[in-house]
Amino acid sequence: MNNNKKNISSSKTDNSSPSGEVGRGVAAIQYIDLYRECRDMIAEHSASLLNAPREQALADFERLGFPTQKEERYKYTDVAAAFAPDYGLNLQHIDIPIDPYQVFRCDVPNLSTSLYFVVNDRFYDKALPKAMLPEGVLVMSLLEAAVKYPELIGKYYAKQARTHKDGINALNTMFCQDGLFIYVPKGVVVTRPIQIVNILRADVDLMVNRRVLIVVEEQAEACVLFCDHAIDDHQFLTTQISEVYIGENAHLELYELEETHVKNHRFANMYVDQQRSSSATIDSITLHNGLTRNRTDVTLSGEYAETNMYGCVIADKQQHVDNNTLIDHRVSNCQSNELYKYVLDDEAVGAFAGRVLVRENAQKTVSQETNANLCATDTARMYTQPMLEIYADDVKCSHGSTVGQLNEQALFYMRQRGIPEAEARMLLKFAFAGEVLDSIKMEPLRDRLHHLVEKRFRGELSKCEGCRLCK
């Protein structure tokens, strides 16, 4: 990157907290001051539709600040501490000299995808896949879409990810200038998976505020795969807000794979709205990270909608992964299934809080929520909080969680048959995580993830698999 730090707007101000204490207000003030200083620059490099909610977001962020651990949905992650360091922000949209098609090579065998890239927060449009998408399907810059299709973007943007209750939403809405827009029109079936590779690239510690908007109209079908990679040895802080709309009788498979490095902090909020007879499969895999905090809220707005949500976390060293979910059953005859599994080693910290809300009118609801966790060491920690909140009387709902260690009898059995202890431990971990991996419908991706997870347990996956710069 040709620019140095003076070309990047800094988040740090002269405000300091007493005795070096990082407080909620102090951590937020630097971003409030930065926004006020750079608001014209932010607007200049964005679009009017994206600019419209910024001032309200600022007012909300001034009132809320960063979420604290006193708040129920954030009690397992110290948000203010993660945002306290001095990160640069590329608010001037300085061009980053990178050709991701040369840097990144997806080595998932037999997985034929329409491959697109987002570099930091900007859609890479200098070269696009040769394979044509069905007519009417859009995969493009959110900034460009806001200019070309204002009525379409205006109908959906910032409608689910509201800023008045969540400081992360407010901060992202203040600073985001671009992102990704995926649109599948009515009745269109996209047979080839759409793969989005998010690449973090910088010569300095960088904060990235990215936005994702996905609209799958009625009777349409699509499969979207997100892969997160970092190709520079700097600290990155990413906020990503995703809004997903799934129309009547529409179907969406959405996979997220995080494979970055220990200096990466990720705060991702996803909001999904499902209409009548729609189906969604949401699968989140965290293979390598520093600190990850994912929030996923699914609203079942139409009858006979179905949600399947899966998560797999593999963490070691001092890594921290916090998944917080909400499935809101608002109408009757809907079904949800949720399964999250964690494998924690060394001094890793995991957290899962999943709430299933069944409203008074949501009769005939069927819901199952399971969180199973494996702590491979005495120093790993897991916090688990599955929750059912039911106001209807004709439902079938269950939830449960487990936290345990490796089965010593199974280890003894395997060692008696000549399997080295390290290999036996790896095989047991792999078998434990396999249930989530097997939920992936794309066979080539499922097979590849089995391979990556095995390498991860063997300690061989310390850098992103598909990045040529890391090899």
Protein backbone atom coordinates (compact mmCIF):
# COMPACT_ATOMS: atom_id res chain seq x y z
CA MET A 1 0.00 0.00 0.00
CA ASN A 2 1.51 3.31 -1.06
CA ASN A 3 -0.03 5.34 1.74
CA ASN A 4 1.42 5.49 5.21
CA LYS A 5 -0.37 6.15 8.47
CA LYS A 6 -0.69 9.89 7.92
CA ASN A 7 -2.95 9.16 4.94
CA ILE A 8 -5.25 7.09 7.14
CA SER A 9 -7.61 8.79 9.58
CA SER A 10 -6.74 7.79 13.12
CA SER A 11 -9.33 6.80 15.68
CA LYS A 12 -7.25 8.05 18.61
CA THR A 13 -7.99 11.41 20.23
CA ASP A 14 -6.32 13.26 23.07
CA ASN A 15 -8.86 11.94 25.56
CA SER A 16 -7.37 9.72 28.23
CA SER A 17 -8.98 7.82 31.03
CA PRO A 18 -7.93 8.22 34.65
CA SER A 19 -5.26 5.76 35.80
CA GLY A 20 -5.16 4.23 32.33
CA GLU A 21 -8.64 2.78 32.77
CA VAL A 22 -10.48 2.09 29.53
CA GLY A 23 -14.06 3.14 30.13
CA ARG A 24 -17.07 2.81 27.93
CA GLY A 25 -17.31 6.55 27.36
CA VAL A 26 -13.60 7.10 26.74
CA ALA A 27 -13.41 4.32 24.15
CA ALA A 28 -16.43 5.75 22.34
CA ILE A 29 -15.35 9.41 22.43
CA GLN A 30 -12.47 8.87 20.00
CA TYR A 31 -14.88 7.58 17.36
CA ILE A 32 -17.44 10.32 18.00
CA ASP A 33 -14.75 12.98 17.59
CA LEU A 34 -13.34 11.29 14.50
CA TYR A 35 -16.75 11.14 12.87
CA ARG A 36 -17.43 14.80 13.55
CA GLU A 37 -14.03 15.72 12.14
CA CYS A 38 -14.40 13.57 9.02
CA ARG A 39 -18.17 13.54 8.36
CA ASP A 40 -17.82 15.46 5.08
CA MET A 41 -15.08 13.13 3.87
CA ILE A 42 -17.15 10.08 4.79
CA ALA A 43 -20.16 11.39 2.89
CA GLU A 44 -18.09 12.43 -0.11
CA HIS A 45 -16.83 8.89 -0.65
CA SER A 46 -20.22 7.24 -0.20
CA ALA A 47 -23.79 7.58 -1.51
CA SER A 48 -26.77 9.61 -0.29
CA LEU A 49 -28.70 6.47 0.72
CA LEU A 50 -25.83 5.30 2.90
CA ASN A 51 -25.34 8.81 4.26
CA ALA A 52 -28.99 9.31 5.23
CA PRO A 53 -28.96 7.38 8.55
CA ARG A 54 -25.53 8.56 9.72
CA GLU A 55 -26.61 11.50 11.90
CA GLN A 56 -29.23 9.41 13.70
CA ALA A 57 -26.60 6.72 14.18
CA LEU A 58 -24.27 9.33 15.67
CA ALA A 59 -26.97 10.48 18.09
CA ASP A 60 -27.64 6.86 19.07
CA PHE A 61 -23.95 6.12 19.52
CA GLU A 62 -23.48 9.22 21.68
CA ARG A 63 -26.30 7.95 23.88
CA LEU A 64 -25.37 4.27 23.92
CA GLY A 65 -21.60 4.17 23.57
CA PHE A 66 -20.17 0.70 23.27
CA PRO A 67 -22.11 -2.20 24.81
CA THR A 68 -20.88 -3.12 28.28
CA GLN A 69 -20.70 -6.51 29.92
CA LYS A 70 -23.62 -5.46 32.10
CA GLU A 71 -25.83 -5.86 29.04
CA GLU A 72 -27.25 -9.37 28.68
CA ARG A 73 -26.24 -9.88 25.06
CA TYR A 74 -22.67 -8.64 25.54
CA LYS A 75 -21.71 -9.96 28.95
CA TYR A 76 -19.02 -12.34 27.68
CA THR A 77 -16.97 -9.86 25.61
CA ASP A 78 -15.29 -6.59 26.62
CA VAL A 79 -16.22 -4.51 23.58
CA ALA A 80 -14.77 -1.17 24.69
CA ALA A 81 -11.34 -2.70 25.32
CA ALA A 82 -11.28 -4.16 21.80
CA PHE A 83 -12.02 -0.76 20.25
CA ALA A 84 -9.66 1.22 22.49
CA PRO A 85 -6.41 0.86 20.45
CA ASP A 86 -5.47 3.36 17.76
CA TYR A 87 -6.67 1.94 14.45
CA GLY A 88 -6.45 3.75 11.14
CA LEU A 89 -9.53 4.09 8.92
CA ASN A 90 -9.31 4.48 5.15
CA LEU A 91 -12.06 7.10 4.93
CA GLN A 92 -10.55 8.72 1.84
CA HIS A 93 -10.85 5.46 -0.10
CA ILE A 94 -7.15 5.47 -0.92
CA ASP A 95 -6.60 2.81 -3.55
CA ILE A 96 -4.97 -0.37 -2.25
CA PRO A 97 -2.58 -1.92 -4.80
CA ILE A 98 -3.74 -5.50 -4.76
CA ASP A 99 -5.03 -7.99 -7.30
CA PRO A 100 -6.90 -10.52 -5.16
CA TYR A 101 -7.22 -12.90 -8.10
CA GLN A 102 -3.42 -13.18 -8.03
CA VAL A 103 -3.04 -13.13 -4.25
CA PHE A 104 -5.79 -15.58 -3.40
CA ARG A 105 -6.28 -19.04 -4.81
CA CYS A 106 -9.23 -20.98 -3.49
CA ASP A 107 -8.07 -24.58 -3.33
CA VAL A 108 -11.40 -26.23 -2.62
CA PRO A 109 -11.36 -29.08 -5.15
CA ASN A 110 -14.37 -29.35 -7.47
CA LEU A 111 -16.12 -26.36 -5.88
CA SER A 112 -17.21 -24.35 -8.89
CA THR A 113 -18.26 -20.91 -7.67
CA SER A 114 -18.81 -17.41 -8.95
CA LEU A 115 -15.89 -15.81 -7.11
CA TYR A 116 -15.92 -12.17 -5.95
CA PHE A 117 -13.72 -10.19 -3.59
CA VAL A 118 -14.19 -7.47 -1.00
CA VAL A 119 -10.89 -5.81 -0.04
CA ASN A 120 -11.32 -4.38 3.44
CA ASP A 121 -14.71 -2.68 2.98
CA ARG A 122 -14.67 -2.11 -0.79
CA PHE A 123 -16.05 -4.39 -3.49
CA TYR A 124 -13.30 -5.28 -5.96
CA ASP A 125 -14.64 -4.50 -9.43
CA LYS A 126 -11.44 -4.21 -11.50
CA ALA A 127 -11.88 -7.82 -12.60
CA LEU A 128 -15.00 -9.95 -12.27
CA PRO A 129 -15.75 -13.67 -12.82
CA LYS A 130 -16.20 -14.77 -16.42
CA ALA A 131 -19.04 -17.10 -15.52
CA MET A 132 -22.31 -15.29 -16.10
CA LEU A 133 -24.95 -15.14 -13.40
CA PRO A 134 -28.61 -15.69 -14.32
CA GLU A 135 -30.35 -12.66 -15.74
CA GLY A 136 -31.29 -10.11 -13.14
CA VAL A 137 -28.95 -11.42 -10.43
CA LEU A 138 -26.68 -8.73 -8.99
CA VAL A 139 -23.42 -9.14 -7.09
CA MET A 140 -21.87 -5.72 -6.78
CA SER A 141 -20.64 -2.84 -4.67
CA LEU A 142 -23.26 -1.61 -2.22
CA LEU A 143 -22.11 1.94 -2.93
CA GLU A 144 -22.62 1.49 -6.67
CA ALA A 145 -25.98 -0.21 -6.12
CA ALA A 146 -27.16 2.70 -3.95
CA VAL A 147 -26.50 5.02 -6.90
CA LYS A 148 -27.87 2.78 -9.68
CA TYR A 149 -30.80 1.18 -7.83
CA PRO A 150 -31.84 3.67 -5.13
CA GLU A 151 -35.41 2.38 -4.82
CA LEU A 152 -34.24 -1.20 -4.29
CA ILE A 153 -31.53 -0.30 -1.77
CA GLY A 154 -33.76 2.23 -0.03
CA LYS A 155 -36.38 -0.46 0.54
CA TYR A 156 -34.03 -2.68 2.54
CA TYR A 157 -30.94 -0.80 3.76
CA ALA A 158 -30.76 -0.13 7.51
CA LYS A 159 -34.27 -1.44 8.08
CA GLN A 160 -33.31 -4.46 10.21
CA ALA A 161 -29.98 -3.34 11.65
CA ARG A 162 -31.39 -0.49 13.68
CA THR A 163 -29.05 1.76 15.62
CA HIS A 164 -31.15 2.77 18.61
CA LYS A 165 -30.41 -0.36 20.68
CA ASP A 166 -26.97 -1.57 19.58
CA GLY A 167 -23.79 0.51 19.68
CA ILE A 168 -22.01 -1.71 17.14
CA ASN A 169 -24.82 -1.11 14.64
CA ALA A 170 -24.61 2.62 15.31
CA LEU A 171 -20.83 2.78 14.90
CA ASN A 172 -20.89 0.79 11.67
CA THR A 173 -23.70 2.91 10.23
CA MET A 174 -21.72 6.06 11.04
CA PHE A 175 -18.57 4.97 9.24
CA CYS A 176 -19.47 2.41 6.56
CA GLN A 177 -19.00 3.72 3.01
CA ASP A 178 -19.28 0.59 0.90
CA GLY A 179 -19.80 -3.12 1.09
CA LEU A 180 -21.56 -5.86 -0.81
CA PHE A 181 -24.99 -6.17 -2.41
CA ILE A 182 -26.41 -9.52 -3.56
CA TYR A 183 -29.82 -9.56 -5.24
CA VAL A 184 -31.70 -12.58 -6.60
CA PRO A 185 -34.96 -11.59 -8.32
CA LYS A 186 -38.27 -13.41 -8.11
CA GLY A 187 -38.28 -17.01 -9.34
CA VAL A 188 -34.56 -17.13 -10.23
CA VAL A 189 -32.52 -20.15 -9.13
CA VAL A 190 -28.77 -19.54 -8.89
CA THR A 191 -27.29 -22.99 -9.36
CA ARG A 192 -23.63 -21.97 -8.98
CA PRO A 193 -22.64 -20.94 -5.42
CA ILE A 194 -21.66 -17.30 -4.99
CA GLN A 195 -18.35 -17.10 -3.13
CA ILE A 196 -17.29 -13.86 -1.46
CA VAL A 197 -13.73 -13.60 -0.17
CA ASN A 198 -13.22 -10.80 2.36
CA ILE A 199 -9.55 -9.85 2.32
CA LEU A 200 -8.01 -7.66 5.01
CA ARG A 201 -5.03 -5.77 3.59
CA ALA A 202 -3.05 -2.86 5.09
CA ASP A 203 0.39 -1.54 5.94
CA VAL A 204 -0.83 -0.23 9.31
CA ASP A 205 -3.23 -1.36 12.01
CA LEU A 206 -6.61 -0.87 10.38
CA MET A 207 -10.29 -0.69 11.27
CA VAL A 208 -12.76 -1.81 8.59
CA ASN A 209 -16.50 -1.08 8.65
CA ARG A 210 -18.24 -3.27 6.08
CA ARG A 211 -21.88 -3.61 5.12
CA VAL A 212 -23.64 -6.57 3.48
CA LEU A 213 -27.14 -6.56 2.00
CA ILE A 214 -28.64 -9.77 0.59
CA VAL A 215 -32.11 -9.89 -0.96
CA VAL A 216 -33.56 -13.20 -2.21
CA GLU A 217 -37.02 -12.53 -3.58
CA GLU A 218 -39.95 -14.93 -3.56
CA GLN A 219 -39.48 -18.38 -5.14
CA ALA A 220 -35.78 -17.67 -5.67
CA GLU A 221 -32.85 -19.82 -4.52
CA ALA A 222 -29.18 -19.10 -3.86
CA CYS A 223 -26.14 -20.37 -2.02
CA VAL A 224 -23.60 -17.85 -0.68
CA LEU A 225 -20.21 -18.64 0.83
CA PHE A 226 -18.19 -16.01 2.73
CA CYS A 227 -14.50 -16.59 3.46
CA ASP A 228 -12.59 -14.18 5.71
CA HIS A 229 -8.81 -13.89 5.28
CA ALA A 230 -6.10 -11.48 6.45
CA ILE A 231 -2.96 -11.28 4.33
CA ASP A 232 -0.87 -8.82 6.36
CA ASP A 233 0.69 -9.16 9.79
CA HIS A 234 -1.09 -6.16 11.32
CA GLN A 235 -3.90 -5.73 13.78
CA PHE A 236 -7.31 -5.56 12.13
CA LEU A 237 -10.63 -4.61 13.67
CA THR A 238 -13.67 -5.40 11.53
CA THR A 239 -17.28 -4.47 12.06
CA GLN A 240 -19.65 -6.12 9.61
CA ILE A 241 -23.39 -5.59 9.58
CA SER A 242 -25.38 -7.96 7.34
CA GLU A 243 -29.05 -7.62 6.48
CA VAL A 244 -30.65 -10.63 4.79
CA TYR A 245 -34.16 -10.78 3.33
CA ILE A 246 -35.63 -14.12 2.21
CA GLY A 247 -38.94 -13.83 0.38
CA GLU A 248 -41.94 -16.14 0.25
CA ASN A 249 -41.07 -19.71 -0.85
CA ALA A 250 -37.43 -18.63 -1.26
CA HIS A 251 -34.41 -20.65 -0.14
CA LEU A 252 -30.96 -19.48 0.95
CA GLU A 253 -27.88 -21.35 2.12
CA LEU A 254 -25.39 -19.03 3.81
CA TYR A 255 -21.96 -20.21 4.92
CA GLU A 256 -19.34 -18.15 6.75
CA LEU A 257 -15.76 -19.34 7.20
CA GLU A 258 -13.36 -17.30 9.32
CA GLU A 259 -9.71 -18.18 8.80
CA THR A 260 -7.67 -15.08 9.67
CA HIS A 261 -5.00 -14.72 12.37
CA VAL A 262 -4.60 -13.96 16.06
CA LYS A 263 -4.30 -10.19 15.53
CA ASN A 264 -7.76 -9.97 13.99
CA HIS A 265 -10.80 -8.76 15.93
CA ARG A 266 -14.18 -9.27 14.31
CA PHE A 267 -17.58 -7.93 15.39
CA ALA A 268 -20.29 -9.19 13.04
CA ASN A 269 -24.03 -8.64 13.41
CA MET A 270 -26.36 -10.47 11.02
CA TYR A 271 -30.10 -9.89 10.75
CA VAL A 272 -32.27 -12.32 8.77
CA ASP A 273 -35.95 -11.88 7.92
CA GLN A 274 -37.87 -14.85 6.54
CA GLN A 275 -41.25 -14.76 4.84
CA ARG A 276 -43.87 -17.50 4.42
CA SER A 277 -42.62 -21.00 3.50
CA SER A 278 -39.03 -19.81 3.14
CA SER A 279 -36.02 -21.76 4.33
CA ALA A 280 -32.60 -20.67 5.51
CA THR A 281 -29.46 -22.60 6.38
CA ILE A 282 -26.89 -20.49 8.22
CA ASP A 283 -23.57 -22.16 8.95
CA SER A 284 -20.73 -20.36 10.77
CA ILE A 285 -17.26 -21.93 11.02
CA THR A 286 -14.49 -20.26 13.03
CA LEU A 287 -11.17 -21.99 12.33
CA HIS A 288 -8.62 -19.31 13.20
CA ASN A 289 -8.99 -15.87 14.75
CA GLY A 290 -8.02 -13.55 17.57
CA LEU A 291 -11.28 -12.23 18.99
CA THR A 292 -14.62 -12.95 17.32
CA ARG A 293 -18.03 -11.75 18.40
CA ASN A 294 -20.89 -12.87 16.17
CA ARG A 295 -24.51 -11.86 16.66
CA THR A 296 -27.18 -13.57 14.53
CA ASP A 297 -30.84 -12.56 14.78
CA VAL A 298 -33.41 -14.48 12.72
CA THR A 299 -37.02 -13.35 12.48
CA LEU A 300 -39.60 -15.82 11.22
CA SER A 301 -42.20 -13.41 9.84
CA GLY A 302 -44.25 -15.78 7.69
CA GLU A 303 -45.94 -19.10 8.43
CA TYR A 304 -44.19 -22.39 7.57
CA ALA A 305 -40.77 -20.77 7.50
CA GLU A 306 -37.83 -22.95 8.50
CA THR A 307 -34.42 -22.03 9.91
CA ASN A 308 -31.42 -24.29 10.38
CA MET A 309 -28.52 -22.66 12.17
CA TYR A 310 -25.15 -24.33 12.76
CA GLY A 311 -21.88 -23.21 14.26
CA CYS A 312 -18.46 -24.77 14.76
CA VAL A 313 -15.67 -23.11 16.73
CA ILE A 314 -12.08 -24.32 17.07
CA ALA A 315 -9.95 -22.14 19.32
CA ASP A 316 -6.68 -22.39 21.21
CA LYS A 317 -3.95 -20.14 22.66
CA GLN A 318 -5.76 -17.03 24.02
CA GLN A 319 -8.39 -16.87 21.30
CA HIS A 320 -11.89 -15.67 22.17
CA VAL A 321 -15.08 -16.61 20.29
CA ASP A 322 -18.51 -15.36 21.37
CA ASN A 323 -21.65 -16.36 19.44
CA ASN A 324 -24.94 -14.76 20.42
CA THR A 325 -28.13 -15.79 18.60
CA LEU A 326 -31.83 -14.99 18.61
CA ILE A 327 -34.53 -16.90 16.72
CA ASP A 328 -37.79 -14.98 16.92
CA HIS A 329 -40.87 -17.08 16.13
CA ARG A 330 -43.50 -14.42 15.43
CA VAL A 331 -46.11 -16.52 13.63
CA SER A 332 -47.43 -20.07 13.81
CA ASN A 333 -46.28 -23.27 12.09
CA CYS A 334 -42.59 -22.39 11.87
CA GLN A 335 -39.61 -24.58 12.64
CA SER A 336 -36.07 -23.87 13.84
CA ASN A 337 -33.10 -26.07 14.55
CA GLU A 338 -29.88 -24.78 16.11
CA LEU A 339 -26.64 -26.63 16.81
CA TYR A 340 -23.35 -25.03 17.94
CA LYS A 341 -20.22 -26.94 18.92
CA TYR A 342 -16.98 -25.61 20.41
CA VAL A 343 -13.59 -27.28 20.78
CA LEU A 344 -11.37 -25.21 23.08
CA ASP A 345 -7.70 -25.80 23.83
CA ASP A 346 -4.95 -24.04 25.80
CA GLU A 347 -6.41 -20.88 27.39
CA ALA A 348 -9.09 -20.21 24.79
CA VAL A 349 -12.43 -18.71 25.83
CA GLY A 350 -15.71 -19.61 24.20
CA ALA A 351 -19.19 -18.24 24.77
CA PHE A 352 -22.58 -19.18 23.39
CA ALA A 353 -25.86 -17.51 24.27
CA GLY A 354 -28.81 -18.63 22.19
CA ARG A 355 -32.34 -17.39 22.76
CA VAL A 356 -35.42 -18.84 21.09
CA LEU A 357 -38.42 -16.56 21.46
CA VAL A 358 -41.89 -18.03 20.77
CA ARG A 359 -44.48 -15.29 20.73
CA GLU A 360 -48.11 -15.65 21.79
CA ASN A 361 -49.38 -16.03 18.22
CA ALA A 362 -46.70 -18.57 17.24
CA GLN A 363 -48.69 -21.75 17.86
CA LYS A 364 -47.50 -25.07 16.37
CA THR A 365 -43.87 -23.96 16.70
CA VAL A 366 -41.21 -26.68 16.55
CA SER A 367 -37.78 -25.70 17.84
CA GLN A 368 -34.66 -27.45 19.04
CA GLU A 369 -31.51 -25.76 20.35
CA THR A 370 -28.30 -27.58 21.29
CA ASN A 371 -24.90 -26.35 22.38
CA ALA A 372 -22.18 -28.96 23.00
CA ASN A 373 -18.68 -28.01 24.08
CA LEU A 374 -15.36 -29.72 24.55
CA CYS A 375 -12.66 -28.21 26.78
CA ALA A 376 -9.46 -30.07 25.95
CA THR A 377 -7.49 -28.45 28.79
CA ASP A 378 -8.19 -27.39 32.36
CA THR A 379 -7.42 -23.77 31.45
CA ALA A 380 -9.92 -23.44 28.60
CA ARG A 381 -13.18 -21.75 29.55
CA MET A 382 -16.68 -22.06 28.11
CA TYR A 383 -19.75 -20.00 28.95
CA THR A 384 -23.02 -21.43 27.69
CA GLN A 385 -26.53 -20.03 28.02
CA PRO A 386 -29.28 -21.64 25.90
CA MET A 387 -32.63 -19.99 26.49
CA LEU A 388 -36.27 -20.68 25.65
CA GLU A 389 -38.86 -17.94 26.08
CA ILE A 390 -42.31 -19.27 25.24
CA TYR A 391 -45.64 -17.45 25.31
CA ALA A 392 -47.65 -19.98 23.23
CA ASP A 393 -49.15 -23.18 24.61
CA ASP A 394 -49.14 -25.51 21.58
CA VAL A 395 -45.46 -25.94 20.80
CA LYS A 396 -42.68 -28.55 20.71
CA CYS A 397 -39.51 -26.89 21.96
CA SER A 398 -36.36 -28.17 23.63
CA HIS A 399 -32.93 -26.87 24.46
CA GLY A 400 -29.80 -28.10 26.14
CA SER A 401 -26.07 -27.66 26.59
CA THR A 402 -23.10 -29.73 27.68
CA VAL A 403 -19.52 -28.92 28.63
CA GLY A 404 -17.05 -31.76 28.97
CA GLN A 405 -13.53 -33.01 28.40
CA LEU A 406 -12.09 -35.76 26.25
CA ASN A 407 -13.29 -39.23 27.13
CA GLU A 408 -10.43 -40.85 29.03
CA GLN A 409 -11.80 -44.35 28.41
CA ALA A 410 -11.86 -43.74 24.67
CA LEU A 411 -8.31 -42.36 24.83
CA PHE A 412 -7.17 -45.44 26.76
CA TYR A 413 -8.91 -47.75 24.28
CA MET A 414 -7.23 -46.07 21.29
CA ARG A 415 -3.78 -46.03 22.92
CA GLN A 416 -4.11 -49.73 23.74
CA ARG A 417 -4.43 -50.31 19.99
CA GLY A 418 -1.22 -48.50 19.16
CA ILE A 419 -2.55 -45.03 18.38
CA PRO A 420 -0.26 -42.31 19.80
CA GLU A 421 -1.90 -40.10 22.42
CA ALA A 422 -1.64 -36.90 20.34
CA GLU A 423 -3.25 -38.65 17.36
CA ALA A 424 -5.97 -40.13 19.55
CA ARG A 425 -6.81 -36.72 20.99
CA MET A 426 -6.97 -35.23 17.50
CA LEU A 427 -9.31 -37.97 16.29
CA LEU A 428 -11.68 -37.48 19.22
CA LYS A 429 -11.81 -33.72 18.66
CA PHE A 430 -12.39 -34.24 14.96
CA ALA A 431 -15.24 -36.67 15.60
CA PHE A 432 -16.83 -34.22 18.03
CA ALA A 433 -16.86 -31.38 15.47
CA GLY A 434 -17.98 -33.62 12.61
CA GLU A 435 -21.72 -33.29 13.28
CA VAL A 436 -21.68 -29.58 12.36
CA LEU A 437 -19.44 -30.09 9.35
CA ASP A 438 -21.75 -32.80 8.03
CA SER A 439 -24.61 -30.28 7.97
CA ILE A 440 -22.96 -28.53 5.01
CA LYS A 441 -24.88 -29.42 1.89
CA MET A 442 -22.16 -28.57 -0.65
CA GLU A 443 -20.16 -31.80 -0.79
CA PRO A 444 -16.87 -30.29 -2.07
CA LEU A 445 -16.96 -27.63 0.63
CA ARG A 446 -17.85 -30.20 3.27
CA ASP A 447 -14.95 -32.44 2.26
CA ARG A 448 -12.54 -29.52 2.18
CA LEU A 449 -13.60 -28.35 5.63
CA HIS A 450 -13.04 -31.83 7.00
CA HIS A 451 -9.48 -31.53 5.71
CA LEU A 452 -8.98 -28.00 7.10
CA VAL A 453 -10.37 -28.94 10.52
CA GLU A 454 -8.05 -31.93 10.72
CA LYS A 455 -5.08 -29.69 9.86
CA ARG A 456 -6.27 -27.20 12.46
CA PHE A 457 -6.28 -29.85 15.17
CA ARG A 458 -2.81 -30.94 14.11
CA GLY A 459 -1.56 -27.37 14.54
CA GLU A 460 -0.77 -27.00 10.84
CA LEU A 461 -3.30 -24.27 10.04
CA SER A 462 -1.72 -21.15 11.52
CA LYS A 463 -2.29 -19.00 8.46
CA CYS A 464 -5.02 -18.75 5.86
CA GLU A 465 -5.01 -21.74 3.55
CA GLY A 466 -5.75 -20.02 0.26
CA CYS A 467 -3.45 -17.01 0.47
CA ARG A 468 -0.29 -17.16 -1.61
CA LEU A 469 1.34 -14.40 0.46
CA CYS A 470 1.24 -16.65 3.50
CA LYS A 471 3.05 -19.54 1.87
